[in-house]
Amino acid sequence: MASQLTAIAAAATTTALSLLGFVIQDQLTRRSRLERRKRLLEDASRRVAFVTEWWKAMELVGAPPDELTEAKVRSLAWLDEASMLVAEARPPTVAERPPPPLSRVLLIYRFERRSATVIRFCFYLALLWAILFAAYIPADRGTEYFTSDFFGLAVFVLLAMLLRAWAVTVEKRRPSPVRDPAAPGSGT
């Protein structure tokens, strides 16, 4: 009975620590994204203020019309750079936000890549086998199968963790560039 409670406590602790890790990772990512957005907006504001003051100074000095035209072109370019910073500082869309921690642990969210979806299916199968081994442990207590059940549970939990990591890696991989068949070096 004590070994069963130990196994259950270990599984619960591992799950809780995984969820806590995801929550902390989400908080740190959100904070760094907000700080970056704040810096970009402050930089854009400083640029606009500089352009405004610089333009006023150019008018006060009484620069010739050709210099004013050149200054106008330059100031518009600076304002375009500031507007690009503001566009880059946009808040994340709903699609860019990470799913809740439990959904991330169990991979319960939409996958774009078919190979990642197949790996996720294998992850679920390994998880199912781990649950089945965990269910047989109490029934096999005191028999010669008891240790093999623990070994099987450990193997399938490890396999499930590896498959989960692999599925996430495959899903996050960038798509390979599509090659033009007529391009040089494409082999045709």
Protein backbone atom coordinates (compact mmCIF):
# COMPACT_ATOMS: atom_id res chain seq x y z
CA MET A 1 0.00 0.00 0.00
CA ALA A 2 2.85 2.37 0.84
CA SER A 3 4.51 1.75 -2.54
CA GLN A 4 1.23 2.54 -4.29
CA LEU A 5 0.91 5.81 -2.42
CA THR A 6 4.53 6.61 -3.22
CA ALA A 7 3.95 5.97 -6.92
CA ILE A 8 0.79 8.08 -6.93
CA ALA A 9 2.53 10.88 -5.00
CA ALA A 10 5.48 10.82 -7.40
CA ALA A 11 3.19 11.02 -10.43
CA ALA A 12 1.15 13.84 -8.88
CA THR A 13 4.30 15.75 -7.91
CA THR A 14 5.77 15.38 -11.39
CA THR A 15 2.55 16.61 -12.98
CA ALA A 16 2.27 19.55 -10.57
CA LEU A 17 5.89 20.57 -11.17
CA SER A 18 5.39 20.35 -14.94
CA LEU A 19 2.31 22.55 -14.73
CA LEU A 20 4.13 25.01 -12.46
CA GLY A 21 7.02 25.12 -14.92
CA PHE A 22 4.67 25.94 -17.79
CA VAL A 23 2.96 28.67 -15.76
CA ILE A 24 6.30 30.25 -14.82
CA GLN A 25 7.52 30.01 -18.41
CA ASP A 26 4.32 31.68 -19.67
CA GLN A 27 4.67 34.49 -17.10
CA LEU A 28 8.30 35.14 -18.04
CA THR A 29 7.49 35.11 -21.75
CA ARG A 30 4.55 37.46 -21.25
CA ARG A 31 6.64 39.83 -19.12
CA SER A 32 9.50 39.96 -21.64
CA ARG A 33 7.02 40.52 -24.49
CA LEU A 34 5.40 43.40 -22.58
CA GLU A 35 8.78 44.95 -21.75
CA ARG A 36 9.85 44.73 -25.40
CA ARG A 37 6.57 46.28 -26.52
CA LYS A 38 6.99 49.09 -24.00
CA ARG A 39 10.57 49.78 -25.21
CA LEU A 40 9.46 49.84 -28.84
CA LEU A 41 6.63 52.28 -28.13
CA GLU A 42 8.90 54.54 -26.05
CA ASP A 43 11.51 54.52 -28.82
CA ALA A 44 8.86 55.39 -31.41
CA SER A 45 7.60 58.24 -29.21
CA ARG A 46 11.13 59.62 -28.79
CA ARG A 47 11.67 59.50 -32.55
CA VAL A 48 8.43 61.35 -33.26
CA ALA A 49 9.30 64.00 -30.64
CA PHE A 50 12.76 64.40 -32.16
CA VAL A 51 11.37 64.76 -35.68
CA THR A 52 8.83 67.33 -34.49
CA GLU A 53 11.45 69.41 -32.70
CA TRP A 54 13.93 69.05 -35.53
CA TRP A 55 11.35 70.21 -38.08
CA LYS A 56 10.44 73.23 -35.92
CA ALA A 57 14.14 74.10 -35.64
CA MET A 58 14.57 73.85 -39.42
CA GLU A 59 11.65 76.25 -39.93
CA LEU A 60 12.92 78.68 -37.26
CA VAL A 61 16.38 78.80 -38.81
CA GLY A 62 14.80 79.80 -42.08
CA ALA A 63 16.44 77.16 -44.21
CA PRO A 64 16.22 77.57 -47.99
CA PRO A 65 13.34 75.76 -49.73
CA ASP A 66 15.56 73.05 -51.22
CA GLU A 67 16.93 72.21 -47.75
CA LEU A 68 13.39 72.19 -46.36
CA THR A 69 12.34 69.76 -49.08
CA GLU A 70 15.29 67.50 -48.25
CA ALA A 71 14.52 67.83 -44.52
CA LYS A 72 10.89 66.95 -45.18
CA VAL A 73 11.90 63.78 -47.03
CA ARG A 74 14.29 62.83 -44.21
CA SER A 75 11.71 63.51 -41.49
CA LEU A 76 9.09 61.43 -43.32
CA ALA A 77 11.58 58.55 -43.49
CA TRP A 78 12.19 58.86 -39.74
CA LEU A 79 8.44 58.93 -39.10
CA ASP A 80 8.06 55.79 -41.24
CA GLU A 81 10.72 54.07 -39.11
CA ALA A 82 8.80 55.10 -35.97
CA SER A 83 5.55 53.76 -37.40
CA MET A 84 7.27 50.44 -38.18
CA LEU A 85 8.32 50.25 -34.52
CA VAL A 86 4.71 50.79 -33.46
CA ALA A 87 3.53 48.10 -35.87
CA GLU A 88 6.16 45.73 -34.47
CA ALA A 89 4.92 46.44 -30.93
CA ARG A 90 1.43 45.11 -31.59
CA PRO A 91 -0.08 42.91 -28.88
CA PRO A 92 -0.15 39.15 -29.55
CA THR A 93 -3.19 37.78 -31.32
CA VAL A 94 -5.33 35.03 -29.84
CA ALA A 95 -3.67 32.49 -32.14
CA GLU A 96 -0.19 33.49 -30.85
CA ARG A 97 -1.07 33.00 -27.18
CA PRO A 98 0.00 29.67 -25.70
CA PRO A 99 -2.70 27.22 -24.66
CA PRO A 100 -3.37 26.66 -20.93
CA PRO A 101 -0.71 24.65 -19.06
CA LEU A 102 -2.68 21.38 -18.80
CA SER A 103 -3.45 21.53 -22.52
CA ARG A 104 0.25 22.05 -23.22
CA VAL A 105 1.29 19.12 -21.02
CA LEU A 106 -1.19 16.76 -22.67
CA LEU A 107 -0.80 18.33 -26.15
CA ILE A 108 -4.51 19.13 -26.37
CA TYR A 109 -4.31 21.86 -28.98
CA ARG A 110 -4.35 22.07 -32.75
CA PHE A 111 -1.27 20.84 -34.58
CA GLU A 112 -0.49 22.12 -38.07
CA ARG A 113 1.96 19.41 -39.10
CA ARG A 114 0.70 15.92 -39.88
CA SER A 115 3.91 14.28 -38.63
CA ALA A 116 3.52 16.02 -35.25
CA THR A 117 -0.07 14.79 -35.07
CA VAL A 118 1.07 11.19 -35.67
CA ILE A 119 3.74 11.54 -32.98
CA ARG A 120 1.12 12.99 -30.62
CA PHE A 121 -1.06 9.90 -31.26
CA CYS A 122 1.91 7.68 -30.33
CA PHE A 123 2.37 9.83 -27.20
CA TYR A 124 -1.25 9.10 -26.23
CA LEU A 125 -0.71 5.37 -26.81
CA ALA A 126 2.40 5.36 -24.60
CA LEU A 127 0.51 7.32 -21.97
CA LEU A 128 -2.35 4.82 -22.13
CA TRP A 129 0.05 1.90 -21.67
CA ALA A 130 1.67 3.69 -18.71
CA ILE A 131 -1.77 4.12 -17.13
CA LEU A 132 -2.54 0.43 -17.71
CA PHE A 133 0.75 -0.61 -16.06
CA ALA A 134 -0.01 1.72 -13.14
CA ALA A 135 -3.44 0.10 -12.80
CA TYR A 136 -1.93 -3.41 -12.69
CA ILE A 137 0.62 -2.57 -10.00
CA PRO A 138 -1.82 -2.91 -7.06
CA ALA A 139 -3.23 -6.20 -8.39
CA ASP A 140 0.23 -7.73 -8.81
CA ARG A 141 1.49 -6.82 -5.36
CA GLY A 142 3.35 -9.74 -3.82
CA THR A 143 3.78 -11.60 -7.13
CA GLU A 144 6.77 -11.91 -9.42
CA TYR A 145 5.12 -9.45 -11.87
CA PHE A 146 5.26 -6.57 -9.40
CA THR A 147 8.78 -5.42 -10.35
CA SER A 148 8.16 -5.89 -14.07
CA ASP A 149 5.04 -3.71 -13.75
CA PHE A 150 7.12 -0.92 -12.20
CA PHE A 151 9.74 -1.35 -14.92
CA GLY A 152 7.04 -1.26 -17.64
CA LEU A 153 5.51 1.83 -16.06
CA ALA A 154 8.89 3.58 -16.03
CA VAL A 155 9.60 2.63 -19.65
CA PHE A 156 6.25 3.85 -20.94
CA VAL A 157 6.39 7.08 -18.92
CA LEU A 158 9.86 7.76 -20.34
CA LEU A 159 8.64 6.88 -23.83
CA ALA A 160 5.64 9.19 -23.44
CA MET A 161 7.88 12.05 -22.30
CA LEU A 162 10.22 11.55 -25.26
CA LEU A 163 7.32 11.38 -27.72
CA ARG A 164 5.81 14.53 -26.23
CA ALA A 165 9.08 16.43 -26.62
CA TRP A 166 9.48 15.13 -30.16
CA ALA A 167 5.94 16.15 -31.15
CA VAL A 168 6.47 19.67 -29.81
CA THR A 169 9.82 19.95 -31.61
CA VAL A 170 8.37 18.77 -34.92
CA GLU A 171 5.40 21.13 -34.58
CA LYS A 172 7.64 24.15 -33.91
CA ARG A 173 10.04 23.37 -36.75
CA ARG A 174 9.99 25.95 -39.48
CA PRO A 175 8.67 24.86 -42.83
CA SER A 176 11.32 24.08 -45.39
CA PRO A 177 11.45 26.57 -48.24
CA VAL A 178 9.72 25.46 -51.41
CA ARG A 179 12.24 25.18 -54.20
CA ASP A 180 11.57 26.33 -57.70
CA PRO A 181 12.05 23.31 -60.00
CA ALA A 182 13.48 25.59 -62.68
CA ALA A 183 16.01 27.18 -60.29
CA PRO A 184 19.70 26.40 -60.87
CA GLY A 185 20.96 23.51 -58.80
CA SER A 186 17.52 21.96 -58.33
CA GLY A 187 18.55 18.84 -60.22
CA THR A 188 16.15 19.18 -63.15
